[in-house]
Amino acid sequence: MSEDVAIAAQVLSTNIFDSATEAIEAIAAVDVLGLGVRVANRLVTEEESDELVEEWVVEVLSSVPTADEE
C-alpha cells in the first residue's frame, strides 16, 4: 500500500449533548482512551416549540485523525 493513502478512522459512536460543557467532558474521556474525536455543533428546532436550540455532536473515532498539510 502506498504511504500517500491514509486510512479513514472508523466512527465508533455518535453522541449528542445539550451543552458545550457536557461535550468537553466527553472529549476529555475520549482523550484518556487515546481515541480520535470529531466535534460539531448545530442548531435544531425544539420539538415543543419552533425555537432553535444548540446541540453538540461528538463522534468517537477508532484513531486520531491527521490534518492534511496542503
C-alpha atoms as a PDB file:
ATOM      1  CA  MET A   1       0.000   0.000   0.000  1.00  0.00           C
ATOM      2  CA  SER A   2       1.240   3.493  -0.811  1.00  0.00           C
ATOM      3  CA  GLU A   3       2.238   5.810   2.038  1.00  0.00           C
ATOM      4  CA  ASP A   4       0.194   8.608   0.394  1.00  0.00           C
ATOM      5  CA  VAL A   5      -3.078   6.787   1.074  1.00  0.00           C
ATOM      6  CA  ALA A   6      -4.491   7.425   4.541  1.00  0.00           C
ATOM      7  CA  ILE A   7      -6.988   5.008   6.038  1.00  0.00           C
ATOM      8  CA  ALA A   8     -10.015   6.850   7.390  1.00  0.00           C
ATOM      9  CA  ALA A   9     -10.777   6.403  11.070  1.00  0.00           C
ATOM     10  CA  GLN A  10     -13.898   4.378  11.776  1.00  0.00           C
ATOM     11  CA  VAL A  11     -16.722   6.070  13.718  1.00  0.00           C
ATOM     12  CA  LEU A  12     -17.271   4.016  16.884  1.00  0.00           C
ATOM     13  CA  SER A  13     -20.133   6.088  18.286  1.00  0.00           C
ATOM     14  CA  THR A  14     -22.015   9.339  17.776  1.00  0.00           C
ATOM     15  CA  ASN A  15     -23.115  11.221  20.891  1.00  0.00           C
ATOM     16  CA  ILE A  16     -25.317  14.325  21.085  1.00  0.00           C
ATOM     17  CA  PHE A  17     -25.081  16.735  24.026  1.00  0.00           C
ATOM     18  CA  ASP A  18     -27.190  19.733  25.025  1.00  0.00           C
ATOM     19  CA  SER A  19     -24.272  21.820  26.297  1.00  0.00           C
ATOM     20  CA  ALA A  20     -20.674  22.547  25.425  1.00  0.00           C
ATOM     21  CA  THR A  21     -19.680  21.579  28.981  1.00  0.00           C
ATOM     22  CA  GLU A  22     -21.023  18.051  28.520  1.00  0.00           C
ATOM     23  CA  ALA A  23     -19.309  17.782  25.124  1.00  0.00           C
ATOM     24  CA  ILE A  24     -15.972  18.891  26.639  1.00  0.00           C
ATOM     25  CA  GLU A  25     -16.270  16.228  29.358  1.00  0.00           C
ATOM     26  CA  ALA A  26     -16.876  13.566  26.689  1.00  0.00           C
ATOM     27  CA  ILE A  27     -13.905  14.812  24.647  1.00  0.00           C
ATOM     28  CA  ALA A  28     -11.658  14.585  27.715  1.00  0.00           C
ATOM     29  CA  ALA A  29     -12.781  10.987  28.311  1.00  0.00           C
ATOM     30  CA  VAL A  30     -12.079  10.061  24.684  1.00  0.00           C
ATOM     31  CA  ASP A  31      -8.612  11.620  25.004  1.00  0.00           C
ATOM     32  CA  VAL A  32      -7.846   9.459  28.058  1.00  0.00           C
ATOM     33  CA  LEU A  33      -8.718   6.384  25.992  1.00  0.00           C
ATOM     34  CA  GLY A  34      -6.398   7.508  23.195  1.00  0.00           C
ATOM     35  CA  LEU A  35      -9.153   7.532  20.586  1.00  0.00           C
ATOM     36  CA  GLY A  36      -9.957  10.172  17.998  1.00  0.00           C
ATOM     37  CA  VAL A  37     -12.810  12.631  18.126  1.00  0.00           C
ATOM     38  CA  ARG A  38     -14.747  14.794  15.671  1.00  0.00           C
ATOM     39  CA  VAL A  39     -16.857  17.632  17.107  1.00  0.00           C
ATOM     40  CA  ALA A  40     -19.561  19.803  15.570  1.00  0.00           C
ATOM     41  CA  ASN A  41     -22.357  21.972  16.836  1.00  0.00           C
ATOM     42  CA  ARG A  42     -25.674  22.591  15.127  1.00  0.00           C
ATOM     43  CA  LEU A  43     -28.970  24.342  15.602  1.00  0.00           C
ATOM     44  CA  VAL A  44     -32.104  22.201  15.722  1.00  0.00           C
ATOM     45  CA  THR A  45     -35.744  23.033  16.197  1.00  0.00           C
ATOM     46  CA  GLU A  46     -37.050  22.152  19.639  1.00  0.00           C
ATOM     47  CA  GLU A  47     -39.984  19.720  19.435  1.00  0.00           C
ATOM     48  CA  GLU A  48     -42.333  21.595  21.802  1.00  0.00           C
ATOM     49  CA  SER A  49     -41.808  24.967  20.119  1.00  0.00           C
ATOM     50  CA  ASP A  50     -40.348  26.462  16.976  1.00  0.00           C
ATOM     51  CA  GLU A  51     -37.367  27.722  18.956  1.00  0.00           C
ATOM     52  CA  LEU A  52     -33.847  26.882  17.779  1.00  0.00           C
ATOM     53  CA  VAL A  53     -31.533  25.225  20.299  1.00  0.00           C
ATOM     54  CA  GLU A  54     -27.863  24.378  20.006  1.00  0.00           C
ATOM     55  CA  GLU A  55     -26.639  20.807  20.342  1.00  0.00           C
ATOM     56  CA  TRP A  56     -23.147  19.344  20.215  1.00  0.00           C
ATOM     57  CA  VAL A  57     -22.284  16.226  18.209  1.00  0.00           C
ATOM     58  CA  VAL A  58     -19.241  14.255  19.387  1.00  0.00           C
ATOM     59  CA  GLU A  59     -18.147  11.361  17.192  1.00  0.00           C
ATOM     60  CA  VAL A  60     -15.703   8.894  18.753  1.00  0.00           C
ATOM     61  CA  LEU A  61     -13.220   7.588  16.158  1.00  0.00           C
ATOM     62  CA  SER A  62     -11.071   4.460  16.166  1.00  0.00           C
ATOM     63  CA  SER A  63      -7.913   6.550  15.738  1.00  0.00           C
ATOM     64  CA  VAL A  64      -6.804  10.161  15.913  1.00  0.00           C
ATOM     65  CA  PRO A  65      -7.376  11.832  12.512  1.00  0.00           C
ATOM     66  CA  THR A  66      -4.460  13.614  10.879  1.00  0.00           C
ATOM     67  CA  ALA A  67      -4.642  17.009   9.225  1.00  0.00           C
ATOM     68  CA  ASP A  68      -3.630  17.444   5.591  1.00  0.00           C
ATOM     69  CA  GLU A  69      -0.505  19.541   5.211  1.00  0.00           C
ATOM     70  CA  GLU A  70      -1.726  21.127   1.958  1.00  0.00           C
END
